[in-house]
Amino acid sequence: MSEIFREVDEEVRQDQYLGLWKRYGPYAIAGAAAIVVLTAGFIGWQEYQRSEREAESIHYTAALRLWGIGDASAAAEAFGDLAVSTRSGYSVLARLQQAGAAADSNPAVAVELYDRLAADTGVPAVFRNLASLRAAMLLIDTAAPNDLYPRFVTLVADNNPWRFVAREMRALVDLQAGKVDEARTTYKKLVDDDGAPQGIRARAAEMLAVLGTNG
């Protein structure tokens, strides 16, 4: 009889984990997506201030407007045109935004664009890692955990600027894979890390409260 109760308890806990993923997964993704936009916008503004590339700024702004009115396909095309027509800092910025716009209608194409950017050694490491992170985000709901884990190896390293978001995402993948102890360990480390963003620490603490201290 006790074995039956254990099985029922495990099923209930599994439902809780899936519910947590549905609840918090979008927050993690949205948070990092905001980082993409803010970082890209800041770098773009720096480039504009430094080089005063008026034509590129106009092209970039026009593409943003297309995206803003919901024409993601046209925006992706415009960002792509800008990416290949310039060697300035706008090139990397436009490639990031091209993939972001493509994700609205064709996530598979967006992943391919992000992966190309991540593999381009001519691009600064911070943006290559950012592209890797965004690709993983797009795949997290559809790819098998074993296909996702290799994408986090570099991202979760101590010297990676995106490590906290990546660690939170990897913990969610652990939950999907049934690796509750691994996820719990990661959440505990995030809670205890004073360097982690407050939002991530708060979510990790709430996840720990539900997961408990043992399996």
N, C-alpha and C. Protein backbone atom coordinates (compact mmCIF):
# COMPACT_ATOMS: atom_id res chain seq x y z
N MET A 1 0.82 -1.21 0.00
CA MET A 1 0.00 0.00 0.00
C MET A 1 0.86 1.27 0.00
N SER A 2 1.96 1.26 0.80
CA SER A 2 2.84 2.43 0.87
C SER A 2 3.47 2.71 -0.48
N GLU A 3 3.73 1.66 -1.25
CA GLU A 3 4.32 1.84 -2.58
C GLU A 3 3.36 2.59 -3.50
N ILE A 4 2.06 2.29 -3.38
CA ILE A 4 1.06 2.98 -4.19
C ILE A 4 1.03 4.46 -3.84
N PHE A 5 1.07 4.77 -2.54
CA PHE A 5 1.05 6.17 -2.12
C PHE A 5 2.29 6.91 -2.62
N ARG A 6 3.44 6.22 -2.62
CA ARG A 6 4.66 6.84 -3.12
C ARG A 6 4.54 7.18 -4.60
N GLU A 7 3.95 6.24 -5.36
CA GLU A 7 3.78 6.47 -6.79
C GLU A 7 2.84 7.65 -7.05
N VAL A 8 1.76 7.73 -6.28
CA VAL A 8 0.82 8.84 -6.44
C VAL A 8 1.51 10.15 -6.09
N ASP A 9 2.30 10.13 -5.01
CA ASP A 9 3.00 11.34 -4.59
C ASP A 9 3.97 11.81 -5.66
N GLU A 10 4.67 10.87 -6.29
CA GLU A 10 5.60 11.23 -7.34
C GLU A 10 4.88 11.85 -8.54
N GLU A 11 3.71 11.30 -8.86
CA GLU A 11 2.95 11.86 -9.97
C GLU A 11 2.49 13.28 -9.66
N VAL A 12 2.06 13.50 -8.43
CA VAL A 12 1.63 14.84 -8.03
C VAL A 12 2.79 15.83 -8.12
N ARG A 13 3.95 15.39 -7.63
CA ARG A 13 5.13 16.26 -7.67
C ARG A 13 5.54 16.55 -9.10
N GLN A 14 5.43 15.54 -9.97
CA GLN A 14 5.77 15.76 -11.37
C GLN A 14 4.84 16.80 -11.99
N ASP A 15 3.56 16.73 -11.64
CA ASP A 15 2.60 17.73 -12.13
C ASP A 15 2.98 19.12 -11.63
N GLN A 16 3.45 19.18 -10.40
CA GLN A 16 3.87 20.47 -9.84
C GLN A 16 5.05 21.03 -10.63
N TYR A 17 6.02 20.17 -10.95
CA TYR A 17 7.19 20.62 -11.68
C TYR A 17 6.80 21.16 -13.05
N LEU A 18 5.91 20.43 -13.73
CA LEU A 18 5.46 20.88 -15.05
C LEU A 18 4.71 22.20 -14.94
N GLY A 19 3.92 22.33 -13.87
CA GLY A 19 3.22 23.59 -13.66
C GLY A 19 4.17 24.74 -13.42
N LEU A 20 5.23 24.47 -12.65
CA LEU A 20 6.24 25.49 -12.39
C LEU A 20 6.94 25.91 -13.68
N TRP A 21 7.22 24.92 -14.51
CA TRP A 21 7.88 25.23 -15.77
C TRP A 21 7.01 26.15 -16.63
N LYS A 22 5.70 25.82 -16.70
CA LYS A 22 4.79 26.64 -17.50
C LYS A 22 4.65 28.04 -16.92
N ARG A 23 4.77 28.10 -15.59
CA ARG A 23 4.61 29.40 -14.92
C ARG A 23 5.84 30.27 -15.04
N TYR A 24 7.03 29.67 -14.81
CA TYR A 24 8.24 30.46 -14.73
C TYR A 24 9.09 30.45 -16.00
N GLY A 25 8.92 29.44 -16.84
CA GLY A 25 9.69 29.39 -18.07
C GLY A 25 9.58 30.66 -18.89
N PRO A 26 8.36 31.14 -19.15
CA PRO A 26 8.22 32.37 -19.94
C PRO A 26 8.89 33.58 -19.31
N TYR A 27 8.92 33.63 -17.94
CA TYR A 27 9.57 34.76 -17.29
C TYR A 27 11.07 34.76 -17.56
N ALA A 28 11.67 33.58 -17.48
CA ALA A 28 13.11 33.48 -17.74
C ALA A 28 13.42 33.88 -19.17
N ILE A 29 12.60 33.40 -20.09
CA ILE A 29 12.81 33.71 -21.50
C ILE A 29 12.58 35.19 -21.76
N ALA A 30 11.49 35.73 -21.22
CA ALA A 30 11.18 37.14 -21.44
C ALA A 30 12.26 38.03 -20.84
N GLY A 31 12.78 37.62 -19.67
CA GLY A 31 13.82 38.42 -19.03
C GLY A 31 15.07 38.50 -19.88
N ALA A 32 15.49 37.38 -20.42
CA ALA A 32 16.69 37.40 -21.25
C ALA A 32 16.43 38.08 -22.58
N ALA A 33 15.20 37.96 -23.09
CA ALA A 33 14.85 38.66 -24.33
C ALA A 33 14.96 40.16 -24.13
N ALA A 34 14.54 40.63 -22.95
CA ALA A 34 14.67 42.05 -22.65
C ALA A 34 16.13 42.47 -22.61
N ILE A 35 16.98 41.57 -22.08
CA ILE A 35 18.42 41.85 -22.06
C ILE A 35 18.93 42.03 -23.48
N VAL A 36 18.45 41.18 -24.38
CA VAL A 36 18.87 41.27 -25.78
C VAL A 36 18.53 42.64 -26.34
N VAL A 37 17.29 43.08 -26.14
CA VAL A 37 16.85 44.35 -26.69
C VAL A 37 17.62 45.51 -26.09
N LEU A 38 17.77 45.50 -24.76
CA LEU A 38 18.46 46.60 -24.10
C LEU A 38 19.93 46.66 -24.49
N THR A 39 20.57 45.49 -24.55
CA THR A 39 21.98 45.45 -24.93
C THR A 39 22.16 45.91 -26.37
N ALA A 40 21.33 45.37 -27.24
CA ALA A 40 21.42 45.73 -28.64
C ALA A 40 21.18 47.22 -28.85
N GLY A 41 20.17 47.75 -28.16
CA GLY A 41 19.87 49.17 -28.29
C GLY A 41 21.01 50.04 -27.79
N PHE A 42 21.62 49.64 -26.68
CA PHE A 42 22.72 50.40 -26.12
C PHE A 42 23.93 50.42 -27.05
N ILE A 43 24.26 49.22 -27.57
CA ILE A 43 25.40 49.14 -28.48
C ILE A 43 25.13 49.93 -29.75
N GLY A 44 23.88 49.84 -30.24
CA GLY A 44 23.53 50.59 -31.43
C GLY A 44 23.66 52.08 -31.21
N TRP A 45 23.23 52.56 -30.06
CA TRP A 45 23.32 53.98 -29.74
C TRP A 45 24.78 54.41 -29.63
N GLN A 46 25.61 53.57 -29.00
CA GLN A 46 27.03 53.88 -28.90
C GLN A 46 27.65 54.03 -30.29
N GLU A 47 27.29 53.08 -31.16
CA GLU A 47 27.83 53.10 -32.51
C GLU A 47 27.41 54.37 -33.24
N TYR A 48 26.16 54.75 -33.05
CA TYR A 48 25.64 55.95 -33.71
C TYR A 48 26.38 57.18 -33.20
N GLN A 49 26.57 57.27 -31.90
CA GLN A 49 27.24 58.40 -31.30
C GLN A 49 28.69 58.50 -31.77
N ARG A 50 29.34 57.36 -31.89
CA ARG A 50 30.76 57.34 -32.23
C ARG A 50 30.99 57.63 -33.71
N SER A 51 30.23 57.02 -34.57
CA SER A 51 30.52 57.10 -36.00
C SER A 51 29.53 57.96 -36.77
N GLU A 52 28.42 58.30 -36.14
CA GLU A 52 27.39 59.12 -36.78
C GLU A 52 27.00 58.56 -38.14
N ARG A 53 26.75 57.28 -38.18
CA ARG A 53 26.36 56.61 -39.42
C ARG A 53 24.87 56.84 -39.63
N GLU A 54 24.57 57.98 -40.18
CA GLU A 54 23.18 58.39 -40.29
C GLU A 54 22.34 57.43 -41.15
N ALA A 55 22.86 57.02 -42.28
CA ALA A 55 22.09 56.14 -43.17
C ALA A 55 21.79 54.81 -42.51
N GLU A 56 22.78 54.25 -41.80
CA GLU A 56 22.58 52.97 -41.12
C GLU A 56 21.59 53.12 -39.97
N SER A 57 21.68 54.27 -39.28
CA SER A 57 20.75 54.51 -38.19
C SER A 57 19.32 54.59 -38.71
N ILE A 58 19.12 55.23 -39.85
CA ILE A 58 17.79 55.34 -40.44
C ILE A 58 17.27 53.97 -40.85
N HIS A 59 18.15 53.18 -41.49
CA HIS A 59 17.78 51.83 -41.92
C HIS A 59 17.39 50.98 -40.71
N TYR A 60 18.20 51.06 -39.67
CA TYR A 60 17.95 50.28 -38.46
C TYR A 60 16.63 50.69 -37.80
N THR A 61 16.41 51.99 -37.70
CA THR A 61 15.19 52.50 -37.09
C THR A 61 13.96 52.08 -37.89
N ALA A 62 14.08 52.12 -39.21
CA ALA A 62 12.96 51.71 -40.06
C ALA A 62 12.61 50.24 -39.84
N ALA A 63 13.64 49.40 -39.70
CA ALA A 63 13.41 47.98 -39.45
C ALA A 63 12.73 47.78 -38.10
N LEU A 64 13.16 48.54 -37.10
CA LEU A 64 12.53 48.46 -35.79
C LEU A 64 11.06 48.84 -35.85
N ARG A 65 10.76 49.84 -36.65
CA ARG A 65 9.36 50.28 -36.78
C ARG A 65 8.51 49.20 -37.43
N LEU A 66 9.07 48.54 -38.43
CA LEU A 66 8.34 47.44 -39.07
C LEU A 66 8.01 46.36 -38.05
N TRP A 67 8.99 46.05 -37.23
CA TRP A 67 8.80 45.04 -36.17
C TRP A 67 7.76 45.52 -35.17
N GLY A 68 7.84 46.80 -34.86
CA GLY A 68 6.92 47.36 -33.88
C GLY A 68 5.47 47.34 -34.32
N ILE A 69 5.21 47.43 -35.61
CA ILE A 69 3.83 47.41 -36.10
C ILE A 69 3.36 45.99 -36.43
N GLY A 70 4.24 45.02 -36.14
CA GLY A 70 3.83 43.63 -36.30
C GLY A 70 4.25 42.95 -37.59
N ASP A 71 5.00 43.66 -38.43
CA ASP A 71 5.46 43.05 -39.68
C ASP A 71 6.84 42.45 -39.46
N ALA A 72 6.88 41.33 -38.71
CA ALA A 72 8.15 40.72 -38.33
C ALA A 72 8.93 40.22 -39.54
N SER A 73 8.22 39.70 -40.54
CA SER A 73 8.89 39.17 -41.72
C SER A 73 9.64 40.27 -42.47
N ALA A 74 8.99 41.40 -42.67
CA ALA A 74 9.63 42.52 -43.35
C ALA A 74 10.77 43.08 -42.50
N ALA A 75 10.57 43.10 -41.19
CA ALA A 75 11.62 43.59 -40.30
C ALA A 75 12.86 42.70 -40.38
N ALA A 76 12.65 41.38 -40.36
CA ALA A 76 13.77 40.45 -40.45
C ALA A 76 14.53 40.66 -41.76
N GLU A 77 13.80 40.88 -42.84
CA GLU A 77 14.45 41.11 -44.13
C GLU A 77 15.25 42.41 -44.11
N ALA A 78 14.68 43.44 -43.51
CA ALA A 78 15.37 44.73 -43.44
C ALA A 78 16.63 44.64 -42.57
N PHE A 79 16.53 43.96 -41.44
CA PHE A 79 17.70 43.78 -40.60
C PHE A 79 18.76 42.95 -41.33
N GLY A 80 18.32 41.95 -42.08
CA GLY A 80 19.26 41.13 -42.84
C GLY A 80 19.99 41.93 -43.89
N ASP A 81 19.27 42.81 -44.58
CA ASP A 81 19.90 43.67 -45.59
C ASP A 81 20.95 44.57 -44.96
N LEU A 82 20.62 45.14 -43.80
CA LEU A 82 21.57 46.00 -43.11
C LEU A 82 22.79 45.21 -42.65
N ALA A 83 22.57 44.01 -42.19
CA ALA A 83 23.67 43.19 -41.67
C ALA A 83 24.73 42.91 -42.73
N VAL A 84 24.31 42.73 -43.99
CA VAL A 84 25.26 42.39 -45.04
C VAL A 84 25.80 43.63 -45.76
N SER A 85 25.23 44.79 -45.46
CA SER A 85 25.64 45.99 -46.19
C SER A 85 26.60 46.87 -45.42
N THR A 86 26.92 46.46 -44.19
CA THR A 86 27.80 47.29 -43.38
C THR A 86 28.80 46.44 -42.62
N ARG A 87 29.93 47.02 -42.31
CA ARG A 87 30.94 46.35 -41.49
C ARG A 87 31.02 47.00 -40.11
N SER A 88 30.19 47.95 -39.86
CA SER A 88 30.22 48.66 -38.58
C SER A 88 29.56 47.80 -37.49
N GLY A 89 29.46 48.39 -36.30
CA GLY A 89 28.81 47.68 -35.19
C GLY A 89 27.36 47.36 -35.46
N TYR A 90 26.77 48.06 -36.43
CA TYR A 90 25.39 47.79 -36.78
C TYR A 90 25.22 46.39 -37.39
N SER A 91 26.27 45.82 -37.91
CA SER A 91 26.17 44.51 -38.53
C SER A 91 25.76 43.45 -37.49
N VAL A 92 26.48 43.39 -36.38
CA VAL A 92 26.15 42.42 -35.32
C VAL A 92 24.78 42.73 -34.73
N LEU A 93 24.53 44.00 -34.49
CA LEU A 93 23.25 44.42 -33.94
C LEU A 93 22.10 43.99 -34.85
N ALA A 94 22.26 44.22 -36.15
CA ALA A 94 21.21 43.86 -37.10
C ALA A 94 21.02 42.35 -37.18
N ARG A 95 22.11 41.59 -37.06
CA ARG A 95 21.99 40.12 -37.10
C ARG A 95 21.21 39.60 -35.90
N LEU A 96 21.46 40.18 -34.74
CA LEU A 96 20.71 39.79 -33.55
C LEU A 96 19.22 40.10 -33.73
N GLN A 97 18.95 41.29 -34.23
CA GLN A 97 17.56 41.69 -34.40
C GLN A 97 16.88 40.93 -35.54
N GLN A 98 17.64 40.59 -36.57
CA GLN A 98 17.08 39.79 -37.66
C GLN A 98 16.58 38.45 -37.12
N ALA A 99 17.41 37.80 -36.31
CA ALA A 99 17.00 36.51 -35.74
C ALA A 99 15.82 36.69 -34.80
N GLY A 100 15.83 37.77 -34.02
CA GLY A 100 14.73 38.02 -33.10
C GLY A 100 13.42 38.21 -33.83
N ALA A 101 13.45 38.95 -34.93
CA ALA A 101 12.24 39.17 -35.71
C ALA A 101 11.79 37.88 -36.39
N ALA A 102 12.74 37.10 -36.87
CA ALA A 102 12.41 35.84 -37.53
C ALA A 102 11.74 34.87 -36.56
N ALA A 103 12.11 34.96 -35.29
CA ALA A 103 11.55 34.04 -34.28
C ALA A 103 10.04 34.19 -34.15
N ASP A 104 9.52 35.36 -34.49
CA ASP A 104 8.09 35.59 -34.36
C ASP A 104 7.27 34.72 -35.31
N SER A 105 7.87 34.40 -36.47
CA SER A 105 7.11 33.62 -37.46
C SER A 105 7.74 32.27 -37.77
N ASN A 106 9.05 32.17 -37.60
CA ASN A 106 9.73 30.93 -37.97
C ASN A 106 10.89 30.66 -37.00
N PRO A 107 10.61 30.07 -35.84
CA PRO A 107 11.65 29.82 -34.84
C PRO A 107 12.83 29.01 -35.37
N ALA A 108 12.57 28.06 -36.28
CA ALA A 108 13.65 27.23 -36.81
C ALA A 108 14.66 28.09 -37.56
N VAL A 109 14.17 29.04 -38.35
CA VAL A 109 15.06 29.95 -39.07
C VAL A 109 15.82 30.82 -38.08
N ALA A 110 15.14 31.27 -37.05
CA ALA A 110 15.78 32.11 -36.05
C ALA A 110 16.92 31.36 -35.35
N VAL A 111 16.69 30.10 -35.00
CA VAL A 111 17.73 29.29 -34.36
C VAL A 111 18.94 29.18 -35.28
N GLU A 112 18.69 28.96 -36.56
CA GLU A 112 19.79 28.85 -37.52
C GLU A 112 20.58 30.16 -37.59
N LEU A 113 19.88 31.29 -37.58
CA LEU A 113 20.56 32.59 -37.62
C LEU A 113 21.37 32.82 -36.34
N TYR A 114 20.79 32.49 -35.21
CA TYR A 114 21.52 32.65 -33.95
C TYR A 114 22.74 31.73 -33.92
N ASP A 115 22.59 30.50 -34.38
CA ASP A 115 23.71 29.56 -34.38
C ASP A 115 24.84 30.04 -35.28
N ARG A 116 24.49 30.63 -36.42
CA ARG A 116 25.53 31.17 -37.30
C ARG A 116 26.28 32.30 -36.62
N LEU A 117 25.54 33.16 -35.95
CA LEU A 117 26.17 34.28 -35.24
C LEU A 117 27.05 33.76 -34.12
N ALA A 118 26.57 32.75 -33.41
CA ALA A 118 27.33 32.18 -32.29
C ALA A 118 28.63 31.54 -32.76
N ALA A 119 28.65 31.05 -33.99
CA ALA A 119 29.84 30.37 -34.52
C ALA A 119 30.80 31.32 -35.23
N ASP A 120 30.43 32.58 -35.36
CA ASP A 120 31.25 33.56 -36.09
C ASP A 120 32.33 34.12 -35.16
N THR A 121 33.55 33.68 -35.34
CA THR A 121 34.63 34.10 -34.45
C THR A 121 35.01 35.57 -34.64
N GLY A 122 34.49 36.20 -35.69
CA GLY A 122 34.75 37.62 -35.89
C GLY A 122 33.85 38.50 -35.04
N VAL A 123 32.89 37.90 -34.37
CA VAL A 123 31.95 38.63 -33.53
C VAL A 123 32.43 38.57 -32.08
N PRO A 124 32.36 39.68 -31.34
CA PRO A 124 32.77 39.65 -29.92
C PRO A 124 32.06 38.54 -29.15
N ALA A 125 32.80 37.93 -28.22
CA ALA A 125 32.29 36.77 -27.49
C ALA A 125 30.98 37.04 -26.78
N VAL A 126 30.81 38.24 -26.24
CA VAL A 126 29.59 38.53 -25.49
C VAL A 126 28.36 38.39 -26.37
N PHE A 127 28.47 38.75 -27.65
CA PHE A 127 27.33 38.65 -28.56
C PHE A 127 27.17 37.23 -29.10
N ARG A 128 28.28 36.52 -29.26
CA ARG A 128 28.17 35.12 -29.67
C ARG A 128 27.47 34.30 -28.59
N ASN A 129 27.84 34.57 -27.34
CA ASN A 129 27.18 33.87 -26.23
C ASN A 129 25.71 34.26 -26.11
N LEU A 130 25.43 35.52 -26.38
CA LEU A 130 24.05 35.98 -26.35
C LEU A 130 23.22 35.26 -27.42
N ALA A 131 23.80 35.10 -28.59
CA ALA A 131 23.10 34.37 -29.65
C ALA A 131 22.86 32.91 -29.25
N SER A 132 23.84 32.30 -28.61
CA SER A 132 23.68 30.93 -28.14
C SER A 132 22.55 30.81 -27.13
N LEU A 133 22.48 31.79 -26.24
CA LEU A 133 21.44 31.80 -25.22
C LEU A 133 20.06 31.91 -25.85
N ARG A 134 19.92 32.81 -26.82
CA ARG A 134 18.63 33.00 -27.47
C ARG A 134 18.22 31.76 -28.25
N ALA A 135 19.17 31.10 -28.88
CA ALA A 135 18.85 29.86 -29.60
C ALA A 135 18.33 28.81 -28.64
N ALA A 136 18.99 28.68 -27.50
CA ALA A 136 18.55 27.70 -26.50
C ALA A 136 17.14 28.02 -26.00
N MET A 137 16.85 29.30 -25.83
CA MET A 137 15.51 29.71 -25.39
C MET A 137 14.44 29.27 -26.37
N LEU A 138 14.74 29.43 -27.65
CA LEU A 138 13.75 29.08 -28.67
C LEU A 138 13.53 27.57 -28.73
N LEU A 139 14.53 26.80 -28.32
CA LEU A 139 14.44 25.35 -28.41
C LEU A 139 13.94 24.68 -27.13
N ILE A 140 13.87 25.43 -26.06
CA ILE A 140 13.68 24.82 -24.75
C ILE A 140 12.34 24.10 -24.60
N ASP A 141 11.33 24.52 -25.33
CA ASP A 141 10.03 23.87 -25.22
C ASP A 141 9.86 22.69 -26.18
N THR A 142 10.77 22.56 -27.14
CA THR A 142 10.59 21.53 -28.17
C THR A 142 11.72 20.51 -28.25
N ALA A 143 12.94 20.92 -27.92
CA ALA A 143 14.08 20.01 -28.04
C ALA A 143 14.19 19.08 -26.83
N ALA A 144 14.77 17.93 -27.05
CA ALA A 144 15.00 16.99 -25.95
C ALA A 144 16.08 17.53 -25.03
N PRO A 145 15.96 17.29 -23.72
CA PRO A 145 16.97 17.80 -22.78
C PRO A 145 18.40 17.45 -23.18
N ASN A 146 18.63 16.22 -23.64
CA ASN A 146 19.99 15.83 -24.02
C ASN A 146 20.53 16.61 -25.20
N ASP A 147 19.63 17.16 -26.01
CA ASP A 147 20.06 18.01 -27.13
C ASP A 147 20.33 19.44 -26.66
N LEU A 148 19.73 19.81 -25.54
CA LEU A 148 19.90 21.16 -25.03
C LEU A 148 21.12 21.32 -24.13
N TYR A 149 21.44 20.28 -23.36
CA TYR A 149 22.54 20.40 -22.40
C TYR A 149 23.85 20.91 -23.01
N PRO A 150 24.28 20.42 -24.19
CA PRO A 150 25.54 20.92 -24.74
C PRO A 150 25.54 22.42 -25.00
N ARG A 151 24.37 22.98 -25.22
CA ARG A 151 24.29 24.42 -25.49
C ARG A 151 24.58 25.26 -24.25
N PHE A 152 24.50 24.65 -23.07
CA PHE A 152 24.70 25.40 -21.83
C PHE A 152 26.12 25.31 -21.29
N VAL A 153 26.94 24.45 -21.86
CA VAL A 153 28.28 24.21 -21.29
C VAL A 153 29.07 25.50 -21.14
N THR A 154 29.14 26.29 -22.19
CA THR A 154 29.88 27.56 -22.13
C THR A 154 29.08 28.63 -21.42
N LEU A 155 27.79 28.63 -21.61
CA LEU A 155 26.95 29.70 -21.07
C LEU A 155 26.92 29.75 -19.55
N VAL A 156 27.05 28.60 -18.89
CA VAL A 156 26.95 28.58 -17.42
C VAL A 156 28.30 28.76 -16.74
N ALA A 157 29.37 28.92 -17.51
CA ALA A 157 30.71 29.08 -16.94
C ALA A 157 30.79 30.35 -16.09
N ASP A 158 31.67 30.32 -15.10
CA ASP A 158 31.77 31.44 -14.15
C ASP A 158 32.14 32.76 -14.81
N ASN A 159 32.82 32.71 -15.95
CA ASN A 159 33.25 33.95 -16.60
C ASN A 159 32.30 34.41 -17.70
N ASN A 160 31.16 33.74 -17.82
CA ASN A 160 30.21 34.12 -18.87
C ASN A 160 29.22 35.16 -18.33
N PRO A 161 29.07 36.30 -19.02
CA PRO A 161 28.18 37.35 -18.51
C PRO A 161 26.71 36.95 -18.46
N TRP A 162 26.34 35.89 -19.21
CA TRP A 162 24.95 35.45 -19.25
C TRP A 162 24.70 34.23 -18.36
N ARG A 163 25.65 33.94 -17.45
CA ARG A 163 25.63 32.69 -16.71
C ARG A 163 24.39 32.51 -15.83
N PHE A 164 23.88 33.58 -15.24
CA PHE A 164 22.77 33.42 -14.30
C PHE A 164 21.48 33.04 -15.02
N VAL A 165 21.21 33.70 -16.13
CA VAL A 165 20.03 33.32 -16.92
C VAL A 165 20.20 31.90 -17.44
N ALA A 166 21.41 31.58 -17.91
CA ALA A 166 21.66 30.25 -18.46
C ALA A 166 21.50 29.17 -17.40
N ARG A 167 21.95 29.44 -16.19
CA ARG A 167 21.82 28.45 -15.11
C ARG A 167 20.36 28.24 -14.73
N GLU A 168 19.59 29.31 -14.71
CA GLU A 168 18.17 29.17 -14.43
C GLU A 168 17.49 28.35 -15.52
N MET A 169 17.86 28.61 -16.77
CA MET A 169 17.28 27.85 -17.87
C MET A 169 17.67 26.38 -17.80
N ARG A 170 18.92 26.11 -17.48
CA ARG A 170 19.37 24.72 -17.40
C ARG A 170 18.65 23.98 -16.28
N ALA A 171 18.36 24.67 -15.19
CA ALA A 171 17.61 24.04 -14.10
C ALA A 171 16.21 23.66 -14.56
N LEU A 172 15.61 24.49 -15.39
CA LEU A 172 14.29 24.16 -15.93
C LEU A 172 14.37 22.95 -16.84
N VAL A 173 15.45 22.86 -17.61
CA VAL A 173 15.65 21.68 -18.46
C VAL A 173 15.83 20.44 -17.59
N ASP A 174 16.56 20.60 -16.47
CA ASP A 174 16.72 19.48 -15.53
C ASP A 174 15.37 18.99 -15.03
N LEU A 175 14.48 19.90 -14.72
CA LEU A 175 13.14 19.51 -14.26
C LEU A 175 12.39 18.77 -15.35
N GLN A 176 12.52 19.24 -16.59
CA GLN A 176 11.88 18.55 -17.70
C GLN A 176 12.41 17.14 -17.85
N ALA A 177 13.70 16.98 -17.55
CA ALA A 177 14.36 15.68 -17.70
C ALA A 177 14.17 14.80 -16.47
N GLY A 178 13.49 15.31 -15.45
CA GLY A 178 13.29 14.53 -14.23
C GLY A 178 14.48 14.56 -13.29
N LYS A 179 15.45 15.44 -13.53
CA LYS A 179 16.64 15.54 -12.68
C LYS A 179 16.38 16.58 -11.59
N VAL A 180 15.53 16.23 -10.66
CA VAL A 180 15.09 17.17 -9.65
C VAL A 180 16.23 17.59 -8.72
N ASP A 181 17.06 16.64 -8.32
CA ASP A 181 18.16 16.96 -7.40
C ASP A 181 19.12 17.97 -8.04
N GLU A 182 19.43 17.77 -9.33
CA GLU A 182 20.32 18.70 -10.02
C GLU A 182 19.70 20.09 -10.09
N ALA A 183 18.41 20.15 -10.39
CA ALA A 183 17.73 21.44 -10.46
C ALA A 183 17.74 22.12 -9.10
N ARG A 184 17.46 21.34 -8.06
CA ARG A 184 17.43 21.89 -6.70
C ARG A 184 18.79 22.47 -6.33
N THR A 185 19.84 21.77 -6.68
CA THR A 185 21.20 22.26 -6.37
C THR A 185 21.47 23.58 -7.07
N THR A 186 21.07 23.68 -8.33
CA THR A 186 21.29 24.91 -9.09
C THR A 186 20.50 26.06 -8.49
N TYR A 187 19.25 25.82 -8.14
CA TYR A 187 18.43 26.88 -7.55
C TYR A 187 19.02 27.34 -6.22
N LYS A 188 19.52 26.41 -5.43
CA LYS A 188 20.13 26.78 -4.14
C LYS A 188 21.35 27.67 -4.37
N LYS A 189 22.17 27.33 -5.36
CA LYS A 189 23.35 28.15 -5.65
C LYS A 189 22.95 29.54 -6.13
N LEU A 190 21.89 29.62 -6.92
CA LEU A 190 21.43 30.92 -7.40
C LEU A 190 20.93 31.78 -6.25
N VAL A 191 20.19 31.17 -5.35
CA VAL A 191 19.69 31.90 -4.18
C VAL A 191 20.84 32.45 -3.34
N ASP A 192 21.89 31.65 -3.19
CA ASP A 192 23.01 32.02 -2.32
C ASP A 192 24.03 32.94 -2.99
N ASP A 193 23.89 33.17 -4.29
CA ASP A 193 24.88 33.96 -5.03
C ASP A 193 24.46 35.43 -5.03
N ASP A 194 25.21 36.25 -4.29
CA ASP A 194 24.90 37.68 -4.19
C ASP A 194 25.06 38.40 -5.53
N GLY A 195 25.77 37.77 -6.45
CA GLY A 195 25.98 38.41 -7.74
C GLY A 195 24.85 38.18 -8.72
N ALA A 196 23.95 37.26 -8.40
CA ALA A 196 22.84 36.95 -9.30
C ALA A 196 21.79 38.05 -9.24
N PRO A 197 21.15 38.35 -10.36
CA PRO A 197 20.08 39.36 -10.36
C PRO A 197 18.98 39.00 -9.38
N GLN A 198 18.38 40.00 -8.77
CA GLN A 198 17.38 39.76 -7.73
C GLN A 198 16.18 38.97 -8.25
N GLY A 199 15.76 39.24 -9.47
CA GLY A 199 14.62 38.52 -10.03
C GLY A 199 14.89 37.03 -10.14
N ILE A 200 16.09 36.68 -10.58
CA ILE A 200 16.46 35.27 -10.70
C ILE A 200 16.56 34.62 -9.33
N ARG A 201 17.12 35.32 -8.36
CA ARG A 201 17.23 34.77 -7.01
C ARG A 201 15.85 34.54 -6.40
N ALA A 202 14.94 35.47 -6.64
CA ALA A 202 13.58 35.34 -6.10
C ALA A 202 12.86 34.15 -6.71
N ARG A 203 12.99 33.97 -8.04
CA ARG A 203 12.34 32.83 -8.68
C ARG A 203 12.94 31.52 -8.20
N ALA A 204 14.27 31.51 -8.04
CA ALA A 204 14.95 30.30 -7.57
C ALA A 204 14.48 29.94 -6.17
N ALA A 205 14.30 30.94 -5.31
CA ALA A 205 13.84 30.70 -3.94
C ALA A 205 12.44 30.10 -3.94
N GLU A 206 11.58 30.60 -4.81
CA GLU A 206 10.22 30.07 -4.85
C GLU A 206 10.20 28.65 -5.39
N MET A 207 11.06 28.39 -6.37
CA MET A 207 11.16 27.03 -6.90
C MET A 207 11.63 26.07 -5.82
N LEU A 208 12.61 26.51 -5.02
CA LEU A 208 13.11 25.66 -3.94
C LEU A 208 12.02 25.37 -2.92
N ALA A 209 11.18 26.37 -2.65
CA ALA A 209 10.12 26.19 -1.67
C ALA A 209 9.15 25.09 -2.11
N VAL A 210 8.93 24.98 -3.40
CA VAL A 210 8.03 23.96 -3.91
C VAL A 210 8.72 22.61 -4.03
N LEU A 211 9.96 22.63 -4.49
CA LEU A 211 10.69 21.38 -4.67
C LEU A 211 11.05 20.72 -3.34
N GLY A 212 11.21 21.53 -2.30
CA GLY A 212 11.55 20.96 -1.01
C GLY A 212 13.04 20.69 -0.88
N THR A 213 13.43 20.11 0.22
CA THR A 213 14.85 19.88 0.51
C THR A 213 15.35 18.52 0.09
N ASN A 214 14.43 17.63 -0.28
CA ASN A 214 14.89 16.31 -0.72
C ASN A 214 13.87 15.75 -1.69
N GLY A 215 14.25 14.67 -2.39
CA GLY A 215 13.36 14.06 -3.36
C GLY A 215 12.28 13.29 -2.72
